Amino acid sequence: MARKLLWGSLLLVPVTIAIDKLTDAGEVALFVLSALSLIPLAWLIGEATEHAAEHTGPGIGGFLNASFGNAPELIVALFAIGANLPVVVRGSLAGSVISNLLLVFGVTQIAGPDGKAIDRRSLLVQIGLVGLAVALFVIPSVAGYSGDPDRHAAVVASVPVAIVLLLVYVAVVGRNLQRHSEAERKPPSADAWTMAVALTALGIATVATAWISEILVHSLHAFATAVGLSEFFIAVVVVAIVGNAAEHGGAIVIAYAGKMRLATEIAVSSSAQVALLVVPAVTLLGLLFSHPIALSFRWTELVAMGVAAAAAAAVVWNGKTSRREGALLVLVYGLTVAGFLVYGGR
């Protein structure tokens, strides 16, 4: 049923584009439509990479999934840089890290059975990588704390941080690729798409995501004004959740089926991928724009990401699932959102 709903909701994509180009619809309606359209597109990208992995093996497949699975966040961030919305960029990236570790990880614990074993070592390593990234974010954040957070000094301080994070990511991915290359490669399943179909779907979904992301970014200000919230809050909560919605839903469905190792791995690894791949990629690609982005997160964002990593590590520590601890993670996320609501934008 969920898959049929996602396939059907792909019709929102051409409908949104047509309304944007052919009508005088308000920007509030366009924001809602584009946000909803990103959900099935994110799912289709994940679906296409999974089918491609059937032909490439788990190692390269995992790399494809990590690279393209975060395409919506990356594309939205780049359009936000082009629109000179640095607060939206940093908010959406920080929100993605936080929501994966608290909201998604928490809900998977609630949806799944109690007391199931999880891969404690793998999860703690990935949470540790998020902690490393947050610690490195402090460097450009200090440079941008007083005065313009996107001034030249803050941008310069962000570049080596981004390079270090990418090198760490490459090292981790390289190690995983080597480990998977030693594993026995299975033939593709009977219902797997051909490689040509998977790559075509991936290309179309990525182009459509870019188009929809442009509409989303350009209508964000009007939506924020209409609902009486700051652009930062919309980015850190709404945009962050929408960009990961399909992946979030998949993790929860998998948890409900009792596959807790896979479900928890999706939730936590998604956060690590954003921190070590998407954030530095956005920073370095931002240098191509007339107003590049600096990793000068506010202290509230840094603390929230740090607390999210610490809370997730505490839940993982005993190596077993717990609905009670999952509920606590969701509660912490709710308190974090309330804090962002009170604090407002930069």
Protein backbone atom coordinates (compact mmCIF):
# COMPACT_ATOMS: atom_id res chain seq x y z
CA MET A 1 0.00 0.00 0.00
CA ALA A 2 2.78 2.45 0.94
CA ARG A 3 4.63 1.77 -2.32
CA LYS A 4 1.46 2.32 -4.38
CA LEU A 5 0.88 5.58 -2.54
CA LEU A 6 4.44 6.73 -3.25
CA TRP A 7 4.19 5.79 -6.94
CA GLY A 8 0.90 7.66 -7.22
CA SER A 9 2.21 10.71 -5.36
CA LEU A 10 4.89 11.14 -8.04
CA LEU A 11 2.11 12.79 -10.04
CA LEU A 12 2.52 15.74 -7.67
CA VAL A 13 5.81 16.56 -9.39
CA PRO A 14 4.45 17.48 -12.87
CA VAL A 15 1.36 19.03 -11.24
CA THR A 16 3.55 21.31 -9.09
CA ILE A 17 5.72 22.32 -12.06
CA ALA A 18 2.64 23.01 -14.21
CA ILE A 19 1.00 25.12 -11.50
CA ASP A 20 4.23 27.07 -11.06
CA LYS A 21 4.66 27.76 -14.79
CA LEU A 22 1.09 28.07 -16.02
CA THR A 23 -0.88 29.65 -13.18
CA ASP A 24 -0.68 32.54 -10.76
CA ALA A 25 -0.89 30.29 -7.71
CA GLY A 26 0.37 31.82 -4.48
CA GLU A 27 3.80 30.98 -3.14
CA VAL A 28 2.33 29.44 0.01
CA ALA A 29 0.51 26.82 -2.07
CA LEU A 30 3.67 26.25 -4.14
CA PHE A 31 5.74 25.68 -1.00
CA VAL A 32 3.29 23.07 0.29
CA LEU A 33 3.09 21.32 -3.09
CA SER A 34 6.86 21.32 -3.62
CA ALA A 35 7.48 20.04 -0.08
CA LEU A 36 5.03 17.18 -0.65
CA SER A 37 6.58 16.47 -4.08
CA LEU A 38 10.05 16.03 -2.60
CA ILE A 39 8.87 13.06 -0.52
CA PRO A 40 8.17 10.62 -3.42
CA LEU A 41 11.20 11.96 -5.31
CA ALA A 42 13.48 11.16 -2.36
CA TRP A 43 11.91 7.71 -2.24
CA LEU A 44 12.43 7.17 -5.99
CA ILE A 45 16.11 8.11 -5.70
CA GLY A 46 16.53 5.60 -2.88
CA GLU A 47 14.60 2.96 -4.81
CA ALA A 48 16.71 3.46 -7.94
CA THR A 49 20.00 3.21 -6.05
CA GLU A 50 18.83 0.03 -4.31
CA HIS A 51 18.02 -1.58 -7.65
CA ALA A 52 21.36 -0.43 -9.07
CA ALA A 53 23.04 -2.06 -6.06
CA GLU A 54 21.58 -5.40 -7.18
CA HIS A 55 23.97 -5.24 -10.17
CA THR A 56 27.01 -3.56 -8.61
CA GLY A 57 27.21 -5.50 -5.37
CA PRO A 58 26.76 -4.23 -1.79
CA GLY A 59 29.94 -2.15 -1.66
CA ILE A 60 29.37 0.10 -4.65
CA GLY A 61 25.63 -0.06 -4.00
CA GLY A 62 26.14 1.31 -0.52
CA PHE A 63 28.31 4.08 -1.92
CA LEU A 64 25.63 4.97 -4.50
CA ASN A 65 22.96 4.98 -1.82
CA ALA A 66 25.04 7.24 0.42
CA SER A 67 25.86 9.60 -2.43
CA PHE A 68 22.44 9.89 -4.08
CA GLY A 69 20.30 9.20 -1.03
CA ASN A 70 21.13 12.66 0.27
CA ALA A 71 20.62 14.38 -3.09
CA PRO A 72 17.47 16.25 -1.97
CA GLU A 73 19.26 17.89 0.99
CA LEU A 74 22.25 18.77 -1.18
CA ILE A 75 20.16 20.24 -4.00
CA VAL A 76 17.91 22.25 -1.67
CA ALA A 77 20.99 23.65 0.07
CA LEU A 78 22.63 24.68 -3.21
CA PHE A 79 19.50 26.50 -4.39
CA ALA A 80 19.32 28.22 -1.01
CA ILE A 81 22.92 29.39 -1.45
CA GLY A 82 22.03 30.71 -4.90
CA ALA A 83 19.09 32.59 -3.37
CA ASN A 84 21.44 33.99 -0.69
CA LEU A 85 19.65 32.26 2.19
CA PRO A 86 22.56 31.09 4.39
CA VAL A 87 20.34 30.70 7.47
CA VAL A 88 18.12 28.29 5.50
CA VAL A 89 21.18 26.32 4.34
CA ARG A 90 22.63 25.84 7.81
CA GLY A 91 19.20 25.28 9.35
CA SER A 92 18.23 22.52 6.93
CA LEU A 93 21.59 20.74 7.34
CA ALA A 94 21.61 20.96 11.13
CA GLY A 95 17.96 19.92 11.23
CA SER A 96 18.70 16.87 9.11
CA VAL A 97 21.43 15.69 11.50
CA ILE A 98 19.21 16.31 14.54
CA SER A 99 16.01 14.78 13.16
CA ASN A 100 17.78 11.59 12.06
CA LEU A 101 19.39 11.01 15.45
CA LEU A 102 16.41 11.96 17.61
CA LEU A 103 13.12 11.76 15.70
CA VAL A 104 13.78 8.92 13.25
CA PHE A 105 15.98 6.85 15.55
CA GLY A 106 13.47 7.36 18.33
CA VAL A 107 10.44 6.38 16.26
CA THR A 108 12.21 3.25 14.95
CA GLN A 109 12.75 2.21 18.58
CA ILE A 110 9.05 2.77 19.32
CA ALA A 111 7.86 1.01 16.16
CA GLY A 112 10.07 -2.04 16.62
CA PRO A 113 10.08 -4.78 19.26
CA ASP A 114 11.65 -4.31 22.68
CA GLY A 115 14.97 -5.87 23.59
CA LYS A 116 16.20 -6.67 20.06
CA ALA A 117 19.97 -6.63 19.52
CA ILE A 118 21.45 -3.85 17.38
CA ASP A 119 24.94 -3.31 15.97
CA ARG A 120 26.29 -1.32 18.92
CA ARG A 121 29.82 -0.92 17.56
CA SER A 122 28.78 0.30 14.11
CA LEU A 123 26.23 2.75 15.49
CA LEU A 124 28.62 4.20 18.08
CA VAL A 125 31.29 4.70 15.41
CA GLN A 126 28.86 6.64 13.22
CA ILE A 127 27.58 8.70 16.15
CA GLY A 128 31.21 9.41 17.04
CA LEU A 129 31.77 10.69 13.49
CA VAL A 130 28.83 13.06 13.95
CA GLY A 131 30.40 14.24 17.21
CA LEU A 132 33.70 14.82 15.40
CA ALA A 133 31.94 16.88 12.75
CA VAL A 134 30.15 19.00 15.36
CA ALA A 135 33.47 19.62 17.14
CA LEU A 136 35.04 20.77 13.88
CA PHE A 137 32.07 23.03 13.14
CA VAL A 138 33.06 25.03 16.22
CA ILE A 139 36.11 26.43 14.37
CA PRO A 140 34.25 28.40 11.65
CA SER A 141 31.43 29.11 14.08
CA VAL A 142 33.83 31.01 16.34
CA ALA A 143 35.08 32.97 13.31
CA GLY A 144 31.49 33.93 12.43
CA TYR A 145 30.13 34.45 15.94
CA SER A 146 30.63 38.21 16.04
CA GLY A 147 29.57 40.23 13.04
CA ASP A 148 28.50 38.77 9.70
CA PRO A 149 28.50 34.93 10.03
CA ASP A 150 29.23 34.63 6.31
CA ARG A 151 32.11 37.06 6.15
CA HIS A 152 35.31 36.08 4.36
CA ALA A 153 37.15 34.93 7.50
CA ALA A 154 34.37 32.49 8.38
CA VAL A 155 34.29 31.11 4.83
CA VAL A 156 38.07 30.66 4.82
CA ALA A 157 37.90 28.84 8.17
CA SER A 158 35.17 26.56 6.78
CA VAL A 159 37.15 25.25 3.81
CA PRO A 160 39.79 23.16 5.68
CA VAL A 161 37.05 21.82 7.98
CA ALA A 162 35.05 20.70 4.94
CA ILE A 163 38.13 19.07 3.39
CA VAL A 164 38.96 17.16 6.60
CA LEU A 165 35.38 15.90 6.89
CA LEU A 166 35.38 14.73 3.27
CA LEU A 167 38.70 12.94 3.77
CA VAL A 168 37.30 11.18 6.83
CA TYR A 169 34.22 10.21 4.83
CA VAL A 170 36.32 8.88 1.95
CA ALA A 171 38.44 6.86 4.40
CA VAL A 172 35.34 5.34 6.02
CA VAL A 173 33.69 4.59 2.67
CA GLY A 174 36.96 3.15 1.30
CA ARG A 175 37.22 0.81 4.26
CA ASN A 176 33.63 -0.32 3.80
CA LEU A 177 34.12 -0.83 0.06
CA GLN A 178 37.16 -3.00 0.72
CA ARG A 179 35.25 -5.04 3.30
CA HIS A 180 32.28 -5.53 0.97
CA SER A 181 34.49 -6.38 -2.01
CA GLU A 182 35.72 -9.41 -0.09
CA ALA A 183 32.16 -10.61 0.44
CA GLU A 184 30.51 -13.01 -1.97
CA ARG A 185 28.56 -11.17 -4.66
CA LYS A 186 25.04 -12.47 -5.26
CA PRO A 187 23.24 -12.30 -8.62
CA PRO A 188 20.45 -9.70 -8.91
CA SER A 189 17.01 -10.79 -7.73
CA ALA A 190 14.34 -11.65 -10.27
CA ASP A 191 12.34 -8.48 -9.62
CA ALA A 192 15.33 -6.12 -9.79
CA TRP A 193 15.27 -3.35 -12.38
CA THR A 194 17.86 -3.50 -15.13
CA MET A 195 20.87 -1.25 -14.65
CA ALA A 196 19.69 0.99 -17.51
CA VAL A 197 16.25 1.43 -15.95
CA ALA A 198 17.74 2.14 -12.50
CA LEU A 199 20.17 4.77 -13.83
CA THR A 200 17.46 6.39 -15.98
CA ALA A 201 15.10 6.61 -13.01
CA LEU A 202 17.92 8.02 -10.91
CA GLY A 203 18.72 10.68 -13.48
CA ILE A 204 15.09 11.73 -13.98
CA ALA A 205 14.45 11.84 -10.23
CA THR A 206 17.56 13.96 -9.62
CA VAL A 207 16.61 16.49 -12.32
CA ALA A 208 13.04 16.66 -11.03
CA THR A 209 14.36 17.14 -7.48
CA ALA A 210 16.44 20.09 -8.64
CA TRP A 211 13.41 21.67 -10.32
CA ILE A 212 11.14 21.15 -7.32
CA SER A 213 13.85 22.34 -4.92
CA GLU A 214 14.09 25.64 -6.78
CA ILE A 215 10.34 26.17 -6.33
CA LEU A 216 10.58 25.22 -2.65
CA VAL A 217 13.42 27.64 -1.90
CA HIS A 218 11.88 30.57 -3.78
CA SER A 219 8.52 30.13 -2.00
CA LEU A 220 9.95 29.52 1.48
CA HIS A 221 9.98 33.17 2.56
CA ALA A 222 6.32 33.68 1.63
CA PHE A 223 5.31 30.50 3.48
CA ALA A 224 7.27 31.49 6.59
CA THR A 225 5.63 34.93 6.57
CA ALA A 226 2.16 33.44 6.08
CA VAL A 227 2.45 31.05 9.03
CA GLY A 228 4.27 33.55 11.24
CA LEU A 229 7.47 31.55 11.65
CA SER A 230 11.10 32.36 10.86
CA GLU A 231 12.81 31.03 7.74
CA PHE A 232 15.30 29.31 10.02
CA PHE A 233 12.56 27.39 11.86
CA ILE A 234 10.93 26.30 8.59
CA ALA A 235 14.33 25.11 7.36
CA VAL A 236 15.48 23.33 10.53
CA VAL A 237 12.18 21.49 11.01
CA VAL A 238 10.02 21.34 7.86
CA VAL A 239 12.66 21.30 5.11
CA ALA A 240 14.92 18.93 7.05
CA ILE A 241 12.10 16.42 7.64
CA VAL A 242 10.74 16.67 4.08
CA GLY A 243 14.16 16.06 2.53
CA ASN A 244 14.50 12.83 4.51
CA ALA A 245 10.82 11.82 4.67
CA ALA A 246 10.98 8.82 2.34
CA GLU A 247 14.12 7.50 4.02
CA HIS A 248 12.55 8.11 7.43
CA GLY A 249 9.42 6.23 6.45
CA GLY A 250 11.47 3.32 5.14
CA ALA A 251 13.39 3.01 8.41
CA ILE A 252 10.17 3.01 10.43
CA VAL A 253 8.51 0.38 8.20
CA ILE A 254 11.62 -1.81 8.47
CA ALA A 255 11.60 -1.39 12.26
CA TYR A 256 7.92 -2.36 12.41
CA ALA A 257 8.85 -5.55 10.56
CA GLY A 258 11.32 -6.32 13.36
CA LYS A 259 14.53 -5.73 11.36
CA MET A 260 16.05 -3.45 13.98
CA ARG A 261 19.69 -3.72 12.92
CA LEU A 262 18.86 -2.39 9.46
CA ALA A 263 16.37 0.22 10.70
CA THR A 264 18.72 1.71 13.29
CA GLU A 265 21.60 1.65 10.79
CA ILE A 266 19.54 3.70 8.30
CA ALA A 267 18.60 6.32 10.89
CA VAL A 268 22.07 6.81 12.35
CA SER A 269 24.08 6.44 9.13
CA SER A 270 21.87 9.06 7.45
CA SER A 271 22.92 11.56 10.08
CA ALA A 272 26.60 10.70 9.65
CA GLN A 273 26.33 11.02 5.87
CA VAL A 274 24.84 14.50 6.16
CA ALA A 275 27.54 15.63 8.60
CA LEU A 276 30.51 14.14 6.72
CA LEU A 277 29.36 14.29 3.09
CA VAL A 278 26.53 16.74 2.47
CA VAL A 279 27.72 19.57 4.74
CA PRO A 280 31.29 19.70 3.37
CA ALA A 281 30.06 19.19 -0.22
CA VAL A 282 27.69 22.14 0.16
CA THR A 283 30.51 24.24 1.61
CA LEU A 284 32.97 23.52 -1.20
CA LEU A 285 30.40 23.79 -3.99
CA GLY A 286 29.25 27.04 -2.40
CA LEU A 287 32.63 28.56 -3.35
CA LEU A 288 31.37 28.61 -6.94
CA PHE A 289 28.66 31.13 -5.98
CA SER A 290 29.09 34.88 -5.58
CA HIS A 291 28.17 34.56 -1.88
CA PRO A 292 29.68 31.29 -0.55
CA ILE A 293 28.39 29.65 2.61
CA ALA A 294 30.30 29.43 5.89
CA LEU A 295 29.88 26.64 8.44
CA SER A 296 29.22 29.25 11.12
CA PHE A 297 26.41 27.46 12.91
CA ARG A 298 24.83 29.23 15.85
CA TRP A 299 25.65 27.91 19.30
CA THR A 300 22.05 26.68 19.62
CA GLU A 301 22.50 24.56 16.50
CA LEU A 302 25.87 23.22 17.65
CA VAL A 303 24.53 22.36 21.10
CA ALA A 304 21.42 20.74 19.61
CA MET A 305 23.54 18.54 17.29
CA GLY A 306 25.86 17.65 20.17
CA VAL A 307 22.96 16.78 22.46
CA ALA A 308 21.37 14.68 19.70
CA ALA A 309 24.61 12.70 19.26
CA ALA A 310 25.00 12.22 23.03
CA ALA A 311 21.37 11.13 23.48
CA ALA A 312 21.60 8.66 20.59
CA ALA A 313 24.86 7.24 21.97
CA ALA A 314 23.26 6.76 25.39
CA VAL A 315 20.40 4.79 23.81
CA VAL A 316 22.79 2.65 21.74
CA TRP A 317 25.14 1.94 24.64
CA ASN A 318 23.45 -1.25 25.93
CA GLY A 319 23.18 -2.68 22.42
CA LYS A 320 19.44 -3.35 22.60
CA THR A 321 16.27 -1.61 21.47
CA SER A 322 13.95 0.04 23.98
CA ARG A 323 10.58 1.66 23.29
CA ARG A 324 10.92 3.74 26.44
CA GLU A 325 14.29 5.13 25.33
CA GLY A 326 12.87 5.72 21.86
CA ALA A 327 10.09 7.80 23.38
CA LEU A 328 12.70 9.80 25.31
CA LEU A 329 14.56 10.55 22.05
CA VAL A 330 11.33 11.82 20.48
CA LEU A 331 10.71 13.93 23.58
CA VAL A 332 14.20 15.44 23.32
CA TYR A 333 13.48 16.23 19.67
CA GLY A 334 10.24 17.95 20.64
CA LEU A 335 12.06 20.04 23.25
CA THR A 336 14.72 20.92 20.66
CA VAL A 337 12.07 22.08 18.20
CA ALA A 338 10.42 24.14 20.95
CA GLY A 339 13.79 25.73 21.68
CA PHE A 340 14.28 26.63 18.03
CA LEU A 341 10.76 28.07 17.94
CA VAL A 342 11.45 30.31 20.92
CA TYR A 343 14.92 31.34 19.78
CA GLY A 344 13.83 32.10 16.22
CA GLY A 345 16.22 32.94 13.39
CA ARG A 346 19.74 34.24 13.59
